[in-house]
Amino acid sequence: MDKNRTRHVIAVLQVDPHRDVSAAVEALQALQTARSVGAVALLVGSGAHGEAIVDFARDNGFPAVRCSDDDVLSGFARAADLLDADIVVRVGRDAIVDAELVDHLVAQIIERDCDLILPAEEDADSAAGIEPFTRRALDKLLLDVARDPAARRQVTRYFALHPDFVTIARAARCRRTGDIAFVAEVQARIEANAGRATLADLLALAERESPRPCMATGATALIRIESRGLGRARRMIVLARALRDREGIDPVFYVGDKPDLTQLVEQAGFDARGTNAPDLLVVDGAGETDSAARVTAAIEDCTGARLAADYAYYAPLPRALHLDWGTARTAVRIGWEWALPGLLPQAARPQRGRSPRPTVLVSIGAADPHGLTLRVAQALAALDPVFRARFVIGPGFKPSVAKTMVELRPDFETIEGAQGLATEFASCDLAITGVHVTACELAAFGVPAMYVCAGAEDALAASAYEHAGMGICLGMAGKPADLAAAVWSLLNNRARRRAMSAAGQAAVDGTAGARIASELAAALAESGRSTRVAR
């Protein structure tokens, strides 16, 4: 590469078609101020807002390229051809775009005469999703490996998996990345997707961390948790934060006589003993929603009590799909976009792929009354120790379980008394789990999963996750030899695990809490103009 020759540099901004166009505006504005970038193209996949984003691009003079999620590579190729690129800067959907950082990386790829430039190790978090590579590298992907799933779906991921495919160099450190890292940290703390924080979000953060509660609307919400599941409490905390920080609604909880849930809720900064009549009532699990509240909502309630709710939200699992609503006026929301995980990946730093040994995480509930964790351990003990096995021991487990694990194989690791599993999810390569809230959380983190089931209903739920491409249903766990064979097969099929990871993150995008909070806040506003929320 002639260092003195002028290169035509383009940026290809991957836009989330499931979000409205405003999510891309800030990234576009930042890219336009980058001195090295001659043109910007939008790469738009299939999704609800895809056509609106294309219309926006056309109206504002930006070329837009449509592509399927299974063939992103062809979209990059069309953009490079359209704009006659010498260097392509891939800008991921969640990248924090800083013009000076983009210019720095482009200058480094030219200076170091390479096909792909990696950020300095100190800048890796700040530069996540900003990846300059040459047209030659793109053409080589198209000619040599266009059928490989990593190349087709994620493009630059292929370079990471095959470091000898093209020439790769690491950039010198960028002086501005301290500021970018600060922004990334703020966005993690408000649980916003990277690059999506607004001024309102930052003000909400300041309000949240002051001693005064956020009371922007004066409205109150009571969140009632009817079960003992820690996962349900975690996901309701996510919803409570969205109601408070995004919609200005003041939430309190009622969890009854459940000390572990009380502790979890209070540690998150909420009152766990709320009893006052609220404007909004949200019930997680089976519980009465026929109350004096102006708006009521049911979360994953499959009992008759749901029929009195104004709104009801479900993941698309068979039990929810077959509910009979009769003449109820409930607004029913069923879909992966309404699946509410209790842990969000924005607060964790993924480490997958950095260890030569894959990590298998086994997490099957807080109590595991059917002993599935031990059955999985017995199966894994028969495999060669080429992977790291970590077992989550919940607070309801029998005291002897952890000891039994280590006796099965000394290199088995147990996780006991964990306050949260976000870091574990972010750093594992494969998870073996049940089919409740944890399955949803793993999908949001992009962790390929294998589901063990305690009964026929669990097996049906697991089949829905499998049909969506997020994992594999193992049924009732069966014989240890069969389970071991299934795990071994998936550990040795990296392409399939990558596809599961992509499917999980595409389906469970981590914004259900904000989506539900927004709808309920709008319903509250409407109820202020009428005696009953319209359904």
Protein backbone atom coordinates (compact mmCIF):
# COMPACT_ATOMS: atom_id res chain seq x y z
CA MET A 1 0.00 0.00 0.00
CA ASP A 2 1.45 3.36 -1.06
CA LYS A 3 1.34 5.58 2.01
CA ASN A 4 1.43 8.74 -0.09
CA ARG A 5 -1.57 7.87 -2.27
CA THR A 6 -4.89 9.43 -1.32
CA ARG A 7 -7.42 6.84 -0.15
CA HIS A 8 -11.16 7.13 -0.48
CA VAL A 9 -12.44 6.22 2.96
CA ILE A 10 -16.08 5.42 3.59
CA ALA A 11 -17.91 4.58 6.80
CA VAL A 12 -20.63 1.94 6.74
CA LEU A 13 -23.00 2.51 9.64
CA GLN A 14 -24.99 -0.59 10.60
CA VAL A 15 -28.41 0.60 11.73
CA ASP A 16 -30.72 -1.40 13.95
CA PRO A 17 -33.93 -1.77 11.88
CA HIS A 18 -35.93 -2.54 15.01
CA ARG A 19 -35.34 0.99 16.34
CA ASP A 20 -36.56 4.23 14.87
CA VAL A 21 -34.29 6.45 12.81
CA SER A 22 -33.37 8.75 15.72
CA ALA A 23 -31.07 6.04 17.04
CA ALA A 24 -28.72 6.58 14.06
CA VAL A 25 -28.74 10.37 13.89
CA GLU A 26 -26.03 11.05 16.48
CA ALA A 27 -23.70 8.47 14.92
CA LEU A 28 -24.23 10.03 11.48
CA GLN A 29 -23.51 13.51 12.80
CA ALA A 30 -20.29 12.33 14.43
CA LEU A 31 -19.14 10.50 11.29
CA GLN A 32 -19.74 13.61 9.17
CA THR A 33 -17.25 15.53 11.31
CA ALA A 34 -14.51 12.91 10.83
CA ARG A 35 -11.94 14.48 8.49
CA SER A 36 -10.82 11.15 7.05
CA VAL A 37 -14.28 9.92 6.01
CA GLY A 38 -15.33 10.90 2.50
CA ALA A 39 -18.80 9.34 2.53
CA VAL A 40 -21.17 7.49 4.85
CA ALA A 41 -23.53 4.69 3.86
CA LEU A 42 -26.25 3.16 6.03
CA LEU A 43 -26.54 -0.61 6.14
CA VAL A 44 -30.11 -1.56 7.06
CA GLY A 45 -31.25 -5.09 7.84
CA SER A 46 -34.75 -6.47 7.98
CA GLY A 47 -36.95 -5.01 10.70
CA ALA A 48 -39.98 -2.92 11.51
CA HIS A 49 -38.35 0.47 10.87
CA GLY A 50 -36.19 -0.54 7.90
CA GLU A 51 -38.13 1.29 5.20
CA ALA A 52 -38.43 4.44 7.32
CA ILE A 53 -34.66 4.45 7.82
CA VAL A 54 -34.09 4.06 4.07
CA ASP A 55 -36.48 6.96 3.41
CA PHE A 56 -34.62 9.09 5.94
CA ALA A 57 -31.29 8.29 4.31
CA ARG A 58 -32.59 9.17 0.83
CA ASP A 59 -34.14 12.44 2.04
CA ASN A 60 -30.87 13.48 3.69
CA GLY A 61 -28.49 12.46 0.92
CA PHE A 62 -27.05 9.27 2.42
CA PRO A 63 -26.91 6.06 0.38
CA ALA A 64 -28.68 3.18 2.10
CA VAL A 65 -28.14 -0.52 1.41
CA ARG A 66 -30.60 -3.21 2.50
CA CYS A 67 -29.35 -6.66 3.42
CA SER A 68 -30.57 -9.71 5.25
CA ASP A 69 -29.18 -10.53 8.68
CA ASP A 70 -27.77 -13.72 7.19
CA ASP A 71 -25.76 -11.90 4.50
CA VAL A 72 -24.33 -8.67 5.89
CA LEU A 73 -21.18 -9.23 3.82
CA SER A 74 -22.99 -8.56 0.55
CA GLY A 75 -24.31 -5.30 2.01
CA PHE A 76 -20.77 -4.12 2.75
CA ALA A 77 -19.72 -5.15 -0.76
CA ARG A 78 -22.53 -3.14 -2.38
CA ALA A 79 -21.73 -0.08 -0.26
CA ALA A 80 -18.03 -0.30 -1.16
CA ASP A 81 -18.87 -0.62 -4.87
CA LEU A 82 -21.39 2.22 -4.75
CA LEU A 83 -18.95 4.63 -3.11
CA ASP A 84 -15.73 3.30 -4.73
CA ALA A 85 -14.04 2.71 -1.37
CA ASP A 86 -10.37 2.01 -0.73
CA ILE A 87 -10.89 1.74 3.03
CA VAL A 88 -14.13 0.77 4.78
CA VAL A 89 -14.80 1.75 8.38
CA ARG A 90 -17.35 -0.61 9.86
CA VAL A 91 -19.43 1.17 12.50
CA GLY A 92 -21.45 -1.32 14.53
CA ARG A 93 -25.01 -0.78 15.68
CA ASP A 94 -23.98 -0.04 19.27
CA ALA A 95 -20.70 1.77 18.62
CA ILE A 96 -19.94 5.05 20.38
CA VAL A 97 -18.77 7.22 17.48
CA ASP A 98 -16.06 9.78 18.13
CA ALA A 99 -14.70 11.55 15.04
CA GLU A 100 -11.18 11.95 16.40
CA LEU A 101 -10.96 8.24 17.22
CA VAL A 102 -12.17 7.33 13.70
CA ASP A 103 -9.56 9.63 12.16
CA HIS A 104 -6.86 8.13 14.38
CA LEU A 105 -7.67 4.55 13.36
CA VAL A 106 -7.84 5.44 9.65
CA ALA A 107 -4.46 7.18 9.88
CA GLN A 108 -3.03 4.11 11.62
CA ILE A 109 -4.24 1.62 9.00
CA ILE A 110 -2.49 3.70 6.32
CA GLU A 111 0.65 4.32 8.37
CA ARG A 112 1.06 0.66 9.32
CA ASP A 113 0.25 -0.60 5.82
CA CYS A 114 -2.15 -3.32 6.96
CA ASP A 115 -5.59 -4.66 5.97
CA LEU A 116 -7.22 -4.40 9.41
CA ILE A 117 -6.28 -2.12 12.27
CA LEU A 118 -7.02 -3.05 15.87
CA PRO A 119 -7.20 -0.38 18.59
CA ALA A 120 -4.54 -0.18 21.28
CA GLU A 121 -5.34 -2.56 24.11
CA GLU A 122 -6.05 0.41 26.39
CA ASP A 123 -8.61 1.67 23.86
CA ALA A 124 -10.40 -1.61 23.17
CA ASP A 125 -13.57 -0.73 25.10
CA SER A 126 -13.76 2.81 23.75
CA ALA A 127 -13.24 1.69 20.14
CA ALA A 128 -15.66 -1.25 20.26
CA GLY A 129 -17.54 -1.46 16.98
CA ILE A 130 -15.22 0.89 15.04
CA GLU A 131 -13.22 -1.28 12.61
CA PRO A 132 -11.37 0.07 9.55
CA PHE A 133 -10.32 -2.50 6.94
CA THR A 134 -9.16 -2.32 3.35
CA ARG A 135 -11.08 -2.99 0.16
CA ARG A 136 -8.57 -5.74 -0.53
CA ALA A 137 -9.61 -7.51 2.70
CA LEU A 138 -13.28 -7.16 1.75
CA ASP A 139 -12.64 -8.57 -1.73
CA LYS A 140 -10.71 -11.49 -0.22
CA LEU A 141 -13.69 -12.34 1.98
CA LEU A 142 -15.97 -12.29 -1.05
CA LEU A 143 -13.69 -14.43 -3.18
CA ASP A 144 -12.43 -16.96 -0.64
CA VAL A 145 -14.89 -17.41 2.23
CA ALA A 146 -18.23 -15.85 1.28
CA ARG A 147 -20.07 -18.98 2.46
CA ASP A 148 -18.57 -18.95 5.95
CA PRO A 149 -21.23 -17.81 8.50
CA ALA A 150 -18.77 -15.60 10.39
CA ALA A 151 -17.86 -13.75 7.19
CA ARG A 152 -21.41 -13.48 5.90
CA ARG A 153 -23.14 -12.43 9.12
CA GLN A 154 -20.48 -10.46 11.00
CA VAL A 155 -17.77 -9.70 8.38
CA THR A 156 -14.91 -8.56 10.63
CA ARG A 157 -15.49 -11.46 13.01
CA TYR A 158 -13.90 -13.71 10.39
CA PHE A 159 -10.64 -11.75 10.66
CA ALA A 160 -10.58 -12.29 14.43
CA LEU A 161 -11.17 -16.01 14.03
CA HIS A 162 -8.51 -16.31 11.28
CA PRO A 163 -5.73 -13.83 12.14
CA ASP A 164 -3.53 -15.03 9.25
CA PHE A 165 -6.19 -14.40 6.60
CA VAL A 166 -5.12 -10.76 6.09
CA THR A 167 -2.44 -8.52 7.59
CA ILE A 168 -3.48 -7.14 10.97
CA ALA A 169 -1.75 -4.50 13.10
CA ARG A 170 -2.49 -2.77 16.39
CA ALA A 171 -2.81 1.01 16.53
CA ALA A 172 -1.03 3.35 18.89
CA ARG A 173 -3.14 4.69 21.71
CA CYS A 174 -5.60 7.49 20.92
CA ARG A 175 -5.36 10.48 23.21
CA ARG A 176 -9.14 11.04 23.32
CA THR A 177 -10.31 7.62 24.46
CA GLY A 178 -10.47 8.50 28.14
CA ASP A 179 -13.46 10.74 27.40
CA ILE A 180 -15.06 8.04 25.24
CA ALA A 181 -14.59 5.46 27.98
CA PHE A 182 -16.36 7.80 30.42
CA VAL A 183 -19.34 8.03 28.06
CA ALA A 184 -19.38 4.23 27.72
CA GLU A 185 -19.41 3.86 31.51
CA VAL A 186 -22.29 6.32 31.86
CA GLN A 187 -24.29 4.44 29.24
CA ALA A 188 -23.66 1.14 31.00
CA ARG A 189 -24.91 2.60 34.26
CA ILE A 190 -28.16 3.85 32.73
CA GLU A 191 -28.56 0.49 30.96
CA ALA A 192 -28.77 2.15 27.55
CA ASN A 193 -27.43 0.56 24.39
CA ALA A 194 -24.04 1.99 23.51
CA GLY A 195 -24.35 5.18 21.46
CA ARG A 196 -27.99 5.69 22.48
CA ALA A 197 -27.75 7.84 25.61
CA THR A 198 -29.61 11.14 25.43
CA LEU A 199 -29.46 14.28 27.54
CA ALA A 200 -32.62 13.09 29.27
CA ASP A 201 -30.86 9.81 30.12
CA LEU A 202 -27.92 11.65 31.67
CA LEU A 203 -30.23 13.89 33.70
CA ALA A 204 -32.07 10.79 34.86
CA LEU A 205 -28.77 9.28 36.01
CA ALA A 206 -27.97 12.38 38.03
CA GLU A 207 -31.46 12.32 39.53
CA ARG A 208 -31.22 8.62 40.34
CA GLU A 209 -27.94 8.97 42.22
CA SER A 210 -29.04 11.99 44.23
CA PRO A 211 -30.85 11.42 47.53
CA ARG A 212 -34.12 12.72 46.07
CA PRO A 213 -36.47 10.31 44.28
CA CYS A 214 -37.42 11.00 40.67
CA MET A 215 -40.98 12.40 40.66
CA ALA A 216 -41.14 14.12 37.27
CA THR A 217 -44.80 13.21 36.63
CA GLY A 218 -46.07 12.75 40.16
CA ALA A 219 -47.41 9.32 39.18
CA THR A 220 -46.74 6.27 41.35
CA ALA A 221 -46.42 2.57 40.53
CA LEU A 222 -46.73 -0.50 42.73
CA ILE A 223 -44.86 -3.57 41.47
CA ARG A 224 -46.08 -6.77 43.08
CA ILE A 225 -43.99 -9.93 42.83
CA GLU A 226 -46.04 -13.01 43.57
CA SER A 227 -43.36 -15.74 43.27
CA ARG A 228 -40.09 -16.37 45.08
CA GLY A 229 -37.92 -16.35 41.96
CA LEU A 230 -34.90 -14.07 42.08
CA GLY A 231 -35.03 -13.85 38.28
CA ARG A 232 -38.52 -12.36 38.42
CA ALA A 233 -37.34 -9.80 40.98
CA ARG A 234 -34.37 -8.86 38.80
CA ARG A 235 -36.53 -8.28 35.75
CA MET A 236 -39.00 -6.18 37.73
CA ILE A 237 -36.11 -4.05 38.95
CA VAL A 238 -35.20 -3.46 35.30
CA LEU A 239 -38.78 -2.35 34.63
CA ALA A 240 -38.83 -0.18 37.77
CA ARG A 241 -35.69 1.63 36.64
CA ALA A 242 -37.20 2.29 33.23
CA LEU A 243 -40.39 3.64 34.80
CA ARG A 244 -38.43 5.90 37.13
CA ASP A 245 -35.53 7.06 35.00
CA ARG A 246 -37.21 7.23 31.58
CA GLU A 247 -40.83 8.01 32.39
CA GLY A 248 -40.67 9.86 35.73
CA ILE A 249 -42.98 7.40 37.50
CA ASP A 250 -42.07 6.63 41.12
CA PRO A 251 -42.12 2.83 41.73
CA VAL A 252 -42.32 0.87 44.98
CA PHE A 253 -42.44 -2.90 45.43
CA TYR A 254 -44.50 -5.33 47.42
CA VAL A 255 -42.84 -8.75 47.77
CA GLY A 256 -44.55 -10.08 50.92
CA ASP A 257 -42.61 -12.18 53.41
CA LYS A 258 -39.64 -12.98 51.19
CA PRO A 259 -36.39 -11.78 52.83
CA ASP A 260 -34.17 -12.60 49.85
CA LEU A 261 -36.38 -10.61 47.45
CA THR A 262 -36.68 -7.76 49.95
CA GLN A 263 -32.90 -7.55 50.17
CA LEU A 264 -32.48 -7.61 46.39
CA VAL A 265 -35.08 -4.87 45.84
CA GLU A 266 -33.71 -2.65 48.60
CA GLN A 267 -30.14 -3.07 47.35
CA ALA A 268 -31.37 -1.75 44.01
CA GLY A 269 -32.60 1.39 45.78
CA PHE A 270 -36.35 0.69 45.95
CA ASP A 271 -38.86 0.37 48.79
CA ALA A 272 -39.89 -3.30 49.05
CA ARG A 273 -42.88 -2.76 51.37
CA GLY A 274 -45.13 -0.49 49.33
CA THR A 275 -48.84 -0.62 50.19
CA ASN A 276 -50.31 2.71 49.11
CA ALA A 277 -52.89 2.86 46.31
CA PRO A 278 -50.88 3.48 43.12
CA ASP A 279 -51.67 5.05 39.75
CA LEU A 280 -50.09 2.03 38.04
CA LEU A 281 -50.16 -1.57 39.27
CA VAL A 282 -47.79 -4.15 37.75
CA VAL A 283 -48.06 -7.78 38.86
CA ASP A 284 -45.36 -10.31 37.99
CA GLY A 285 -46.80 -13.82 38.05
CA ALA A 286 -50.24 -14.91 39.17
CA GLY A 287 -51.97 -12.17 41.13
CA GLU A 288 -55.09 -10.00 41.16
CA THR A 289 -54.94 -6.96 38.89
CA ASP A 290 -58.55 -5.80 39.38
CA SER A 291 -57.74 -2.78 41.52
CA ALA A 292 -58.40 0.92 41.88
CA ALA A 293 -55.20 1.72 39.96
CA ARG A 294 -55.76 3.80 36.83
CA VAL A 295 -53.71 1.31 34.74
CA THR A 296 -52.91 -2.33 35.50
CA ALA A 297 -50.43 -4.69 33.85
CA ALA A 298 -49.69 -8.42 34.16
CA ILE A 299 -46.27 -9.90 33.42
CA GLU A 300 -46.21 -13.57 32.36
CA ASP A 301 -49.48 -14.35 34.17
CA CYS A 302 -51.24 -17.43 32.76
CA THR A 303 -54.01 -17.59 35.37
CA GLY A 304 -57.50 -16.17 35.15
CA ALA A 305 -56.38 -13.07 37.05
CA ARG A 306 -54.78 -11.75 33.86
CA LEU A 307 -58.25 -11.09 32.35
CA ALA A 308 -58.72 -8.05 34.60
CA ALA A 309 -55.47 -6.39 33.47
CA ASP A 310 -55.33 -3.51 31.03
CA TYR A 311 -52.06 -4.81 29.54
CA ALA A 312 -50.41 -8.23 29.57
CA TYR A 313 -46.86 -9.03 28.42
CA TYR A 314 -45.38 -12.39 27.44
CA ALA A 315 -42.43 -14.02 25.72
CA PRO A 316 -43.72 -16.11 22.77
CA LEU A 317 -43.73 -19.41 24.63
CA PRO A 318 -46.40 -22.07 23.90
CA ARG A 319 -48.27 -21.56 27.16
CA ALA A 320 -48.80 -17.87 26.40
CA LEU A 321 -49.64 -18.43 22.75
CA HIS A 322 -52.52 -20.74 23.64
CA LEU A 323 -54.19 -18.59 26.31
CA ASP A 324 -57.90 -17.91 25.82
CA TRP A 325 -58.76 -14.25 26.33
CA GLY A 326 -62.48 -14.59 25.66
CA THR A 327 -64.19 -11.19 25.89
CA ALA A 328 -61.44 -9.56 27.98
CA ARG A 329 -60.42 -6.10 26.82
CA THR A 330 -56.80 -6.64 27.77
CA ALA A 331 -54.17 -5.37 25.35
CA VAL A 332 -52.08 -8.52 24.93
CA ARG A 333 -48.42 -8.25 23.90
CA ILE A 334 -46.68 -11.50 22.97
CA GLY A 335 -43.26 -11.58 21.31
CA TRP A 336 -39.54 -11.66 21.96
CA GLU A 337 -39.55 -7.86 21.95
CA TRP A 338 -41.62 -8.06 25.17
CA ALA A 339 -39.40 -10.70 26.83
CA LEU A 340 -38.00 -8.97 29.90
CA PRO A 341 -34.54 -10.14 31.04
CA GLY A 342 -33.40 -9.37 34.56
CA LEU A 343 -29.76 -8.84 33.58
CA LEU A 344 -28.62 -6.60 30.75
CA PRO A 345 -25.39 -7.01 28.76
CA GLN A 346 -24.61 -3.28 28.66
CA ALA A 347 -23.30 -3.39 32.23
CA ALA A 348 -20.89 -6.26 31.59
CA ARG A 349 -17.75 -6.46 29.49
CA PRO A 350 -17.83 -9.56 27.29
CA GLN A 351 -14.68 -11.66 27.41
CA ARG A 352 -15.74 -14.61 25.24
CA GLY A 353 -13.22 -15.95 22.81
CA ARG A 354 -10.08 -14.83 24.68
CA SER A 355 -9.34 -18.16 26.32
CA PRO A 356 -8.13 -21.23 24.42
CA ARG A 357 -10.48 -23.30 26.61
CA PRO A 358 -14.20 -22.60 26.21
CA THR A 359 -16.20 -21.98 29.37
CA VAL A 360 -19.39 -23.94 30.04
CA LEU A 361 -21.67 -22.30 32.62
CA VAL A 362 -24.37 -24.38 34.32
CA SER A 363 -27.10 -22.26 35.90
CA ILE A 364 -30.42 -23.97 36.68
CA GLY A 365 -32.39 -21.83 39.09
CA ALA A 366 -32.04 -20.74 42.70
CA ALA A 367 -33.19 -24.06 44.19
CA ASP A 368 -33.14 -26.74 41.45
CA PRO A 369 -35.51 -29.11 43.31
CA HIS A 370 -35.20 -31.75 40.57
CA GLY A 371 -31.41 -32.06 40.92
CA LEU A 372 -30.73 -31.16 37.28
CA THR A 373 -27.45 -29.41 38.09
CA LEU A 374 -25.98 -32.59 39.54
CA ARG A 375 -27.20 -34.64 36.56
CA VAL A 376 -25.48 -32.21 34.19
CA ALA A 377 -22.28 -32.39 36.28
CA GLN A 378 -22.30 -36.18 36.07
CA ALA A 379 -22.57 -35.96 32.28
CA LEU A 380 -19.79 -33.37 31.93
CA ALA A 381 -17.48 -35.35 34.21
CA ALA A 382 -17.22 -38.02 31.51
CA LEU A 383 -15.81 -35.59 28.92
CA ASP A 384 -12.17 -34.74 28.31
CA PRO A 385 -11.19 -31.64 30.34
CA VAL A 386 -10.67 -29.35 27.33
CA PHE A 387 -13.23 -26.89 28.64
CA ARG A 388 -13.81 -24.98 31.86
CA ALA A 389 -16.99 -25.98 33.75
CA ARG A 390 -18.58 -23.56 36.23
CA PHE A 391 -21.70 -24.39 38.26
CA VAL A 392 -23.96 -21.79 39.86
CA ILE A 393 -25.05 -23.01 43.30
CA GLY A 394 -28.23 -21.14 44.22
CA PRO A 395 -29.30 -20.20 47.76
CA GLY A 396 -31.96 -22.95 47.77
CA PHE A 397 -29.56 -25.80 46.91
CA LYS A 398 -28.83 -28.58 49.38
CA PRO A 399 -25.57 -27.87 51.26
CA SER A 400 -23.97 -31.07 49.93
CA VAL A 401 -24.31 -30.19 46.23
CA ALA A 402 -21.17 -28.06 45.91
CA LYS A 403 -19.07 -30.72 47.65
CA THR A 404 -20.47 -33.41 45.36
CA MET A 405 -19.49 -31.37 42.30
CA VAL A 406 -15.85 -31.18 43.30
CA GLU A 407 -15.79 -34.86 44.17
CA LEU A 408 -16.97 -35.66 40.65
CA ARG A 409 -14.01 -33.82 39.18
CA PRO A 410 -11.52 -31.61 41.05
CA ASP A 411 -11.35 -29.04 38.23
CA PHE A 412 -15.10 -28.30 38.41
CA GLU A 413 -15.69 -24.77 39.70
CA THR A 414 -18.67 -23.67 41.79
CA ILE A 415 -20.15 -20.17 42.08
CA GLU A 416 -21.81 -19.66 45.45
CA GLY A 417 -23.47 -16.59 46.96
CA ALA A 418 -23.28 -14.61 43.71
CA GLN A 419 -25.16 -11.29 43.85
CA GLY A 420 -25.40 -11.21 40.06
CA LEU A 421 -24.33 -13.29 37.09
CA ALA A 422 -23.81 -10.63 34.43
CA THR A 423 -20.04 -11.11 34.39
CA GLU A 424 -20.44 -14.90 34.25
CA PHE A 425 -22.85 -14.62 31.31
CA ALA A 426 -20.54 -12.22 29.49
CA SER A 427 -17.53 -14.52 29.82
CA CYS A 428 -18.96 -17.96 29.03
CA ASP A 429 -19.05 -19.68 25.64
CA LEU A 430 -21.97 -22.02 26.30
CA ALA A 431 -24.60 -22.27 29.02
CA ILE A 432 -26.70 -25.16 30.27
CA THR A 433 -29.81 -23.80 31.91
CA GLY A 434 -33.52 -24.10 32.59
CA VAL A 435 -36.20 -22.27 30.65
CA HIS A 436 -37.25 -19.48 32.95
CA VAL A 437 -35.85 -15.95 33.29
CA THR A 438 -32.23 -17.11 32.98
CA ALA A 439 -32.87 -18.43 29.46
CA CYS A 440 -34.08 -14.98 28.42
CA GLU A 441 -31.07 -13.30 30.04
CA LEU A 442 -28.62 -15.60 28.29
CA ALA A 443 -30.25 -14.81 24.93
CA ALA A 444 -29.79 -11.07 25.60
CA PHE A 445 -26.10 -11.69 26.30
CA GLY A 446 -25.72 -13.71 23.10
CA VAL A 447 -24.80 -16.90 24.96
CA PRO A 448 -25.70 -20.11 23.08
CA ALA A 449 -27.67 -22.32 25.44
CA MET A 450 -28.76 -25.88 26.05
CA TYR A 451 -31.99 -26.28 28.02
CA VAL A 452 -32.64 -29.06 30.52
CA CYS A 453 -36.27 -29.53 31.51
CA ALA A 454 -38.07 -30.51 34.69
CA GLY A 455 -41.28 -31.49 32.92
CA ALA A 456 -43.31 -31.44 29.72
CA GLU A 457 -44.22 -27.77 30.06
CA ASP A 458 -40.55 -26.81 30.37
CA ALA A 459 -39.79 -28.89 27.28
CA LEU A 460 -42.42 -26.98 25.30
CA ALA A 461 -40.93 -23.67 26.43
CA ALA A 462 -37.43 -24.85 25.51
CA SER A 463 -38.67 -25.80 22.06
CA ALA A 464 -39.67 -22.16 21.49
CA TYR A 465 -36.13 -20.99 22.28
CA GLU A 466 -34.76 -23.72 20.01
CA HIS A 467 -37.14 -22.75 17.18
CA ALA A 468 -35.92 -19.15 17.47
CA GLY A 469 -32.35 -20.43 16.98
CA MET A 470 -31.04 -19.46 20.43
CA GLY A 471 -30.20 -22.92 21.75
CA ILE A 472 -30.94 -26.64 21.91
CA CYS A 473 -33.64 -28.39 23.92
CA LEU A 474 -32.23 -31.36 25.83
CA GLY A 475 -35.61 -32.46 27.12
CA MET A 476 -35.60 -34.22 30.48
CA ALA A 477 -31.77 -34.51 30.49
CA GLY A 478 -32.06 -38.27 29.91
CA LYS A 479 -28.98 -40.42 30.15
CA PRO A 480 -25.70 -38.72 31.09
CA ALA A 481 -24.03 -40.20 28.01
CA ASP A 482 -26.62 -38.61 25.70
CA LEU A 483 -26.31 -35.23 27.40
CA ALA A 484 -22.51 -35.41 27.25
CA ALA A 485 -22.62 -36.21 23.53
CA ALA A 486 -24.90 -33.24 22.85
CA VAL A 487 -22.64 -30.85 24.79
CA TRP A 488 -19.51 -32.20 23.09
CA SER A 489 -21.08 -31.80 19.66
CA LEU A 490 -22.01 -28.15 20.25
CA LEU A 491 -18.65 -27.29 21.82
CA ASN A 492 -17.02 -28.49 18.60
CA ASN A 493 -19.38 -26.56 16.32
CA ARG A 494 -18.29 -22.94 16.59
CA ALA A 495 -20.33 -21.88 13.58
CA ARG A 496 -23.54 -23.11 15.18
CA ARG A 497 -22.72 -21.42 18.47
CA ARG A 498 -22.07 -18.14 16.65
CA ALA A 499 -25.42 -18.44 14.88
CA MET A 500 -27.18 -19.08 18.23
CA SER A 501 -25.46 -16.06 19.75
CA ALA A 502 -26.60 -13.80 16.93
CA ALA A 503 -30.15 -15.17 17.06
CA GLY A 504 -30.42 -14.57 20.82
CA GLN A 505 -29.25 -10.97 20.66
CA ALA A 506 -31.47 -10.22 17.68
CA ALA A 507 -34.57 -11.58 19.44
CA VAL A 508 -34.01 -10.37 23.02
CA ASP A 509 -32.55 -6.92 22.51
CA GLY A 510 -32.55 -5.87 26.18
CA THR A 511 -34.96 -2.94 25.67
CA ALA A 512 -38.21 -4.62 26.69
CA GLY A 513 -38.16 -2.76 30.02
CA ALA A 514 -38.02 0.62 28.28
CA ARG A 515 -40.64 -0.52 25.75
CA ILE A 516 -43.10 -1.67 28.42
CA ALA A 517 -42.49 1.41 30.58
CA SER A 518 -43.14 3.69 27.61
CA GLU A 519 -46.46 2.01 26.79
CA LEU A 520 -47.65 2.05 30.40
CA ALA A 521 -46.65 5.70 30.83
CA ALA A 522 -48.61 6.60 27.70
CA ALA A 523 -51.61 4.67 29.05
CA LEU A 524 -51.37 6.59 32.32
CA ALA A 525 -51.30 9.87 30.45
CA GLU A 526 -54.36 8.82 28.45
CA SER A 527 -56.17 7.69 31.60
CA GLY A 528 -55.79 11.19 32.95
CA ARG A 529 -58.07 12.31 30.13
CA SER A 530 -60.66 9.55 30.64
CA THR A 531 -62.09 7.45 33.44
CA ARG A 532 -60.64 4.17 32.12
CA VAL A 533 -57.66 3.39 29.92
CA ALA A 534 -58.77 2.52 26.38
CA ARG A 535 -58.01 -1.08 25.43
